[in-house]
Amino acid sequence: MSKNEEPKKKIKSVRDVIIESIECEPGIEGCTADPDTCPNDPKRCDKKLSMFGYYDDTIKDSVEHVLSESMNELTKTFTASARRWEMIVYPSMFAFILLAVYGFFLIYSLTNDVSSVAKEMRSISNNMQNVVVHMDSVSRNMIVMTQTMDTQTQTMKEMNSYVRGMGMSMNHMRHEVAVMNNSVSRPMQFMNNVMPW
């Protein structure tokens, strides 16, 4: 191998990139930033690779504390959200149940009202048939009354002509009486002059 030839670079895995990105704690000698090859005791380092199992009790407690705090926050958030939903959902369900009961009551009342209306319409239909029969009878009576009125009108016309004839006869009689009075009064007046009393 010549000196000019550069050694082939090793292809790094994701694990190698993660390990290289971890900065070692300054002041610790001999740290290689590789948990597999580091000669130092893992308890001496503050930054550990917990994903590869290199952590001490402090980090373990810290991770458990963070997880428990996160779970507590998640639980509190979920509980608050559930309470908010309870404040919305439970009254809504109660209102829906009330509306459903009221709607059932309205439908029941409407059914009863429609049934009573149907019965009343049946009785009204029977009464209308009776009214039609009576109207037919009234119509026949009106025809009879019209005929009677025609007869009475004719009779009144005849009576009118008779009364007119009676008036003419009375005028004739008055004329005759006047003539008779004139004929009798002159001889009587003469006899009154002759009589001594």
C-alpha atoms as a PDB file:
ATOM      1  CA  MET A   1       0.000   0.000   0.000  1.00  0.00           C
ATOM      2  CA  SER A   2       1.402   3.367  -0.907  1.00  0.00           C
ATOM      3  CA  LYS A   3       1.389   6.345   1.353  1.00  0.00           C
ATOM      4  CA  ASN A   4      -0.536   8.398  -1.148  1.00  0.00           C
ATOM      5  CA  GLU A   5      -3.433   6.024  -1.050  1.00  0.00           C
ATOM      6  CA  GLU A   6      -5.932   7.036   1.530  1.00  0.00           C
ATOM      7  CA  PRO A   7      -7.498   4.309   3.663  1.00  0.00           C
ATOM      8  CA  LYS A   8     -11.071   3.491   2.815  1.00  0.00           C
ATOM      9  CA  LYS A   9     -13.593   5.248   5.013  1.00  0.00           C
ATOM     10  CA  LYS A  10     -15.845   3.054   7.033  1.00  0.00           C
ATOM     11  CA  ILE A  11     -19.560   3.560   6.340  1.00  0.00           C
ATOM     12  CA  LYS A  12     -21.095   4.791   9.561  1.00  0.00           C
ATOM     13  CA  SER A  13     -24.304   3.347  10.862  1.00  0.00           C
ATOM     14  CA  VAL A  14     -27.069   5.307  12.517  1.00  0.00           C
ATOM     15  CA  ARG A  15     -25.779   4.155  15.909  1.00  0.00           C
ATOM     16  CA  ASP A  16     -22.289   5.477  15.127  1.00  0.00           C
ATOM     17  CA  VAL A  17     -23.693   8.851  14.059  1.00  0.00           C
ATOM     18  CA  ILE A  18     -25.728   9.095  17.281  1.00  0.00           C
ATOM     19  CA  ILE A  19     -22.703   8.158  19.388  1.00  0.00           C
ATOM     20  CA  GLU A  20     -20.484  10.701  17.628  1.00  0.00           C
ATOM     21  CA  SER A  21     -23.065  13.424  18.130  1.00  0.00           C
ATOM     22  CA  ILE A  22     -22.934  12.927  21.866  1.00  0.00           C
ATOM     23  CA  GLU A  23     -20.432  15.238  23.436  1.00  0.00           C
ATOM     24  CA  CYS A  24     -18.412  13.815  26.234  1.00  0.00           C
ATOM     25  CA  GLU A  25     -18.199  15.570  29.553  1.00  0.00           C
ATOM     26  CA  PRO A  26     -15.198  17.878  29.516  1.00  0.00           C
ATOM     27  CA  GLY A  27     -12.463  16.959  31.953  1.00  0.00           C
ATOM     28  CA  ILE A  28     -12.932  13.208  31.865  1.00  0.00           C
ATOM     29  CA  GLU A  29      -9.817  11.617  30.529  1.00  0.00           C
ATOM     30  CA  GLY A  30      -9.798   8.753  28.127  1.00  0.00           C
ATOM     31  CA  CYS A  31     -13.421   9.119  26.977  1.00  0.00           C
ATOM     32  CA  THR A  32     -13.884   7.720  23.497  1.00  0.00           C
ATOM     33  CA  ALA A  33     -17.575   8.681  23.095  1.00  0.00           C
ATOM     34  CA  ASP A  34     -18.301   5.053  22.446  1.00  0.00           C
ATOM     35  CA  PRO A  35     -20.009   3.213  25.288  1.00  0.00           C
ATOM     36  CA  ASP A  36     -18.738  -0.078  23.923  1.00  0.00           C
ATOM     37  CA  THR A  37     -15.045   0.890  23.923  1.00  0.00           C
ATOM     38  CA  CYS A  38     -14.878   3.630  26.602  1.00  0.00           C
ATOM     39  CA  PRO A  39     -12.433   2.585  29.337  1.00  0.00           C
ATOM     40  CA  ASN A  40     -14.027   4.884  31.919  1.00  0.00           C
ATOM     41  CA  ASP A  41     -16.603   3.784  34.406  1.00  0.00           C
ATOM     42  CA  PRO A  42     -20.088   4.786  33.141  1.00  0.00           C
ATOM     43  CA  LYS A  43     -20.865   6.191  36.561  1.00  0.00           C
ATOM     44  CA  ARG A  44     -18.271   8.923  36.029  1.00  0.00           C
ATOM     45  CA  CYS A  45     -20.027  10.380  32.966  1.00  0.00           C
ATOM     46  CA  ASP A  46     -22.976  12.727  33.248  1.00  0.00           C
ATOM     47  CA  LYS A  47     -24.164  12.193  29.677  1.00  0.00           C
ATOM     48  CA  LYS A  48     -25.026   8.556  29.040  1.00  0.00           C
ATOM     49  CA  LEU A  49     -26.605   6.696  26.208  1.00  0.00           C
ATOM     50  CA  SER A  50     -29.730   5.452  27.839  1.00  0.00           C
ATOM     51  CA  MET A  51     -30.818   3.884  24.535  1.00  0.00           C
ATOM     52  CA  PHE A  52     -27.876   1.470  24.803  1.00  0.00           C
ATOM     53  CA  GLY A  53     -28.303   0.824  28.494  1.00  0.00           C
ATOM     54  CA  TYR A  54     -25.491   3.081  29.810  1.00  0.00           C
ATOM     55  CA  TYR A  55     -27.077   5.227  32.491  1.00  0.00           C
ATOM     56  CA  ASP A  56     -26.663   5.560  36.210  1.00  0.00           C
ATOM     57  CA  ASP A  57     -29.271   5.799  38.935  1.00  0.00           C
ATOM     58  CA  THR A  58     -29.435   9.599  38.727  1.00  0.00           C
ATOM     59  CA  ILE A  59     -30.337   9.531  35.063  1.00  0.00           C
ATOM     60  CA  LYS A  60     -32.662   6.606  35.674  1.00  0.00           C
ATOM     61  CA  ASP A  61     -34.448   8.557  38.410  1.00  0.00           C
ATOM     62  CA  SER A  62     -34.494  11.633  36.176  1.00  0.00           C
ATOM     63  CA  VAL A  63     -36.003   9.693  33.274  1.00  0.00           C
ATOM     64  CA  GLU A  64     -38.587   8.061  35.511  1.00  0.00           C
ATOM     65  CA  HIS A  65     -39.364  11.445  37.024  1.00  0.00           C
ATOM     66  CA  VAL A  66     -39.813  13.012  33.586  1.00  0.00           C
ATOM     67  CA  LEU A  67     -41.977  10.125  32.453  1.00  0.00           C
ATOM     68  CA  SER A  68     -44.100  10.250  35.606  1.00  0.00           C
ATOM     69  CA  GLU A  69     -44.463  14.033  35.269  1.00  0.00           C
ATOM     70  CA  SER A  70     -45.424  13.621  31.628  1.00  0.00           C
ATOM     71  CA  MET A  71     -47.965  10.957  32.509  1.00  0.00           C
ATOM     72  CA  ASN A  72     -49.324  13.178  35.301  1.00  0.00           C
ATOM     73  CA  GLU A  73     -49.635  16.096  32.897  1.00  0.00           C
ATOM     74  CA  LEU A  74     -51.268  13.837  30.313  1.00  0.00           C
ATOM     75  CA  THR A  75     -53.659  12.504  32.944  1.00  0.00           C
ATOM     76  CA  LYS A  76     -54.506  16.018  34.150  1.00  0.00           C
ATOM     77  CA  THR A  77     -55.038  17.231  30.599  1.00  0.00           C
ATOM     78  CA  PHE A  78     -57.182  14.225  29.760  1.00  0.00           C
ATOM     79  CA  THR A  79     -59.183  14.672  32.989  1.00  0.00           C
ATOM     80  CA  ALA A  80     -59.727  18.389  32.289  1.00  0.00           C
ATOM     81  CA  SER A  81     -60.736  17.602  28.730  1.00  0.00           C
ATOM     82  CA  ALA A  82     -63.076  14.859  29.939  1.00  0.00           C
ATOM     83  CA  ARG A  83     -64.606  17.284  32.433  1.00  0.00           C
ATOM     84  CA  ARG A  84     -65.110  19.868  29.716  1.00  0.00           C
ATOM     85  CA  TRP A  85     -66.746  17.244  27.526  1.00  0.00           C
ATOM     86  CA  GLU A  86     -68.852  16.092  30.480  1.00  0.00           C
ATOM     87  CA  MET A  87     -70.040  19.677  30.974  1.00  0.00           C
ATOM     88  CA  ILE A  88     -71.125  19.715  27.330  1.00  0.00           C
ATOM     89  CA  VAL A  89     -72.211  16.121  26.705  1.00  0.00           C
ATOM     90  CA  TYR A  90     -74.217  15.370  29.859  1.00  0.00           C
ATOM     91  CA  PRO A  91     -76.456  18.455  29.665  1.00  0.00           C
ATOM     92  CA  SER A  92     -76.845  17.832  25.938  1.00  0.00           C
ATOM     93  CA  MET A  93     -77.892  14.241  26.593  1.00  0.00           C
ATOM     94  CA  PHE A  94     -80.306  15.390  29.304  1.00  0.00           C
ATOM     95  CA  ALA A  95     -81.778  18.020  26.975  1.00  0.00           C
ATOM     96  CA  PHE A  96     -82.059  15.441  24.179  1.00  0.00           C
ATOM     97  CA  ILE A  97     -83.865  13.025  26.514  1.00  0.00           C
ATOM     98  CA  LEU A  98     -86.249  15.810  27.604  1.00  0.00           C
ATOM     99  CA  LEU A  99     -86.904  16.768  23.986  1.00  0.00           C
ATOM    100  CA  ALA A 100     -87.455  13.128  23.046  1.00  0.00           C
ATOM    101  CA  VAL A 101     -89.969  12.663  25.893  1.00  0.00           C
ATOM    102  CA  TYR A 102     -91.724  15.911  24.962  1.00  0.00           C
ATOM    103  CA  GLY A 103     -91.803  14.891  21.292  1.00  0.00           C
ATOM    104  CA  PHE A 104     -93.310  11.519  22.228  1.00  0.00           C
ATOM    105  CA  PHE A 105     -95.925  13.335  24.327  1.00  0.00           C
ATOM    106  CA  LEU A 106     -96.730  15.662  21.418  1.00  0.00           C
ATOM    107  CA  ILE A 107     -97.068  12.743  18.998  1.00  0.00           C
ATOM    108  CA  TYR A 108     -99.313  10.900  21.467  1.00  0.00           C
ATOM    109  CA  SER A 109    -101.477  14.006  21.979  1.00  0.00           C
ATOM    110  CA  LEU A 110    -101.641  14.583  18.216  1.00  0.00           C
ATOM    111  CA  THR A 111    -102.749  10.984  17.683  1.00  0.00           C
ATOM    112  CA  ASN A 112    -105.527  11.361  20.254  1.00  0.00           C
ATOM    113  CA  ASP A 113    -106.570  14.709  18.775  1.00  0.00           C
ATOM    114  CA  VAL A 114    -106.679  13.271  15.256  1.00  0.00           C
ATOM    115  CA  SER A 115    -108.793  10.362  16.504  1.00  0.00           C
ATOM    116  CA  SER A 116    -111.264  12.725  18.200  1.00  0.00           C
ATOM    117  CA  VAL A 117    -111.338  14.926  15.086  1.00  0.00           C
ATOM    118  CA  ALA A 118    -112.134  11.859  12.953  1.00  0.00           C
ATOM    119  CA  LYS A 119    -115.037  10.967  15.288  1.00  0.00           C
ATOM    120  CA  GLU A 120    -116.340  14.532  15.183  1.00  0.00           C
ATOM    121  CA  MET A 121    -116.074  14.600  11.406  1.00  0.00           C
ATOM    122  CA  ARG A 122    -118.130  11.408  11.240  1.00  0.00           C
ATOM    123  CA  SER A 123    -120.872  12.965  13.395  1.00  0.00           C
ATOM    124  CA  ILE A 124    -120.672  16.177  11.340  1.00  0.00           C
ATOM    125  CA  SER A 125    -121.125  14.104   8.170  1.00  0.00           C
ATOM    126  CA  ASN A 126    -124.229  12.469   9.632  1.00  0.00           C
ATOM    127  CA  ASN A 127    -125.588  15.875  10.652  1.00  0.00           C
ATOM    128  CA  MET A 128    -124.895  17.247   7.192  1.00  0.00           C
ATOM    129  CA  GLN A 129    -126.928  14.411   5.689  1.00  0.00           C
ATOM    130  CA  ASN A 130    -129.809  15.362   7.984  1.00  0.00           C
ATOM    131  CA  VAL A 131    -129.383  18.994   6.979  1.00  0.00           C
ATOM    132  CA  VAL A 132    -129.542  17.993   3.308  1.00  0.00           C
ATOM    133  CA  VAL A 133    -132.791  16.087   3.942  1.00  0.00           C
ATOM    134  CA  HIS A 134    -134.274  19.070   5.797  1.00  0.00           C
ATOM    135  CA  MET A 135    -133.126  21.464   3.088  1.00  0.00           C
ATOM    136  CA  ASP A 136    -134.873  19.287   0.514  1.00  0.00           C
ATOM    137  CA  SER A 137    -138.046  19.476   2.583  1.00  0.00           C
ATOM    138  CA  VAL A 138    -137.650  23.254   2.934  1.00  0.00           C
ATOM    139  CA  SER A 139    -137.171  23.512  -0.827  1.00  0.00           C
ATOM    140  CA  ARG A 140    -140.424  21.602  -1.440  1.00  0.00           C
ATOM    141  CA  ASN A 141    -142.218  23.777   1.115  1.00  0.00           C
ATOM    142  CA  MET A 142    -140.859  26.885  -0.601  1.00  0.00           C
ATOM    143  CA  ILE A 143    -142.302  25.636  -3.909  1.00  0.00           C
ATOM    144  CA  VAL A 144    -145.691  25.123  -2.236  1.00  0.00           C
ATOM    145  CA  MET A 145    -145.452  28.567  -0.651  1.00  0.00           C
ATOM    146  CA  THR A 146    -144.635  30.091  -4.037  1.00  0.00           C
ATOM    147  CA  GLN A 147    -147.677  28.437  -5.586  1.00  0.00           C
ATOM    148  CA  THR A 148    -149.822  29.603  -2.658  1.00  0.00           C
ATOM    149  CA  MET A 149    -148.497  33.133  -3.006  1.00  0.00           C
ATOM    150  CA  ASP A 150    -149.308  33.059  -6.717  1.00  0.00           C
ATOM    151  CA  THR A 151    -152.856  31.970  -5.876  1.00  0.00           C
ATOM    152  CA  GLN A 152    -153.151  34.685  -3.232  1.00  0.00           C
ATOM    153  CA  THR A 153    -151.845  37.260  -5.697  1.00  0.00           C
ATOM    154  CA  GLN A 154    -154.487  36.215  -8.211  1.00  0.00           C
ATOM    155  CA  THR A 155    -157.171  36.362  -5.498  1.00  0.00           C
ATOM    156  CA  MET A 156    -155.994  39.809  -4.439  1.00  0.00           C
ATOM    157  CA  LYS A 157    -156.241  40.988  -8.032  1.00  0.00           C
ATOM    158  CA  GLU A 158    -159.809  39.688  -8.197  1.00  0.00           C
ATOM    159  CA  MET A 159    -160.636  41.340  -4.866  1.00  0.00           C
ATOM    160  CA  ASN A 160    -159.144  44.581  -6.162  1.00  0.00           C
ATOM    161  CA  SER A 161    -161.377  44.448  -9.242  1.00  0.00           C
ATOM    162  CA  TYR A 162    -164.393  43.701  -7.022  1.00  0.00           C
ATOM    163  CA  VAL A 163    -163.614  46.609  -4.732  1.00  0.00           C
ATOM    164  CA  ARG A 164    -163.226  48.854  -7.766  1.00  0.00           C
ATOM    165  CA  GLY A 165    -166.644  47.678  -8.951  1.00  0.00           C
ATOM    166  CA  MET A 166    -168.094  48.330  -5.504  1.00  0.00           C
ATOM    167  CA  GLY A 167    -166.624  51.857  -5.596  1.00  0.00           C
ATOM    168  CA  MET A 168    -168.213  52.496  -8.947  1.00  0.00           C
ATOM    169  CA  SER A 169    -171.552  51.148  -7.673  1.00  0.00           C
ATOM    170  CA  MET A 170    -171.315  53.404  -4.608  1.00  0.00           C
ATOM    171  CA  ASN A 171    -170.664  56.410  -6.827  1.00  0.00           C
ATOM    172  CA  HIS A 172    -173.695  55.443  -8.937  1.00  0.00           C
ATOM    173  CA  MET A 173    -175.849  55.062  -5.822  1.00  0.00           C
ATOM    174  CA  ARG A 174    -174.705  58.428  -4.489  1.00  0.00           C
ATOM    175  CA  HIS A 175    -175.614  60.044  -7.784  1.00  0.00           C
ATOM    176  CA  GLU A 176    -179.043  58.367  -7.684  1.00  0.00           C
ATOM    177  CA  VAL A 177    -179.596  59.460  -4.076  1.00  0.00           C
ATOM    178  CA  ALA A 178    -178.620  63.022  -4.995  1.00  0.00           C
ATOM    179  CA  VAL A 179    -181.105  62.953  -7.878  1.00  0.00           C
ATOM    180  CA  MET A 180    -183.789  61.499  -5.603  1.00  0.00           C
ATOM    181  CA  ASN A 181    -183.058  64.104  -2.945  1.00  0.00           C
ATOM    182  CA  ASN A 182    -183.409  66.833  -5.495  1.00  0.00           C
ATOM    183  CA  SER A 183    -186.691  65.341  -6.778  1.00  0.00           C
ATOM    184  CA  VAL A 184    -188.222  64.951  -3.330  1.00  0.00           C
ATOM    185  CA  SER A 185    -187.024  68.136  -1.728  1.00  0.00           C
ATOM    186  CA  ARG A 186    -188.878  70.508  -4.027  1.00  0.00           C
ATOM    187  CA  PRO A 187    -192.409  69.060  -3.443  1.00  0.00           C
ATOM    188  CA  MET A 188    -191.723  68.783   0.251  1.00  0.00           C
ATOM    189  CA  GLN A 189    -190.648  72.365   0.375  1.00  0.00           C
ATOM    190  CA  PHE A 190    -193.892  73.369  -1.337  1.00  0.00           C
ATOM    191  CA  MET A 191    -195.941  71.357   1.116  1.00  0.00           C
ATOM    192  CA  ASN A 192    -194.114  72.938   4.002  1.00  0.00           C
ATOM    193  CA  ASN A 193    -195.215  76.293   2.753  1.00  0.00           C
ATOM    194  CA  VAL A 194    -198.856  75.114   2.466  1.00  0.00           C
ATOM    195  CA  MET A 195    -199.096  73.533   5.905  1.00  0.00           C
ATOM    196  CA  PRO A 196    -200.087  75.911   8.700  1.00  0.00           C
ATOM    197  CA  TRP A 197    -197.676  74.495  11.232  1.00  0.00           C
END
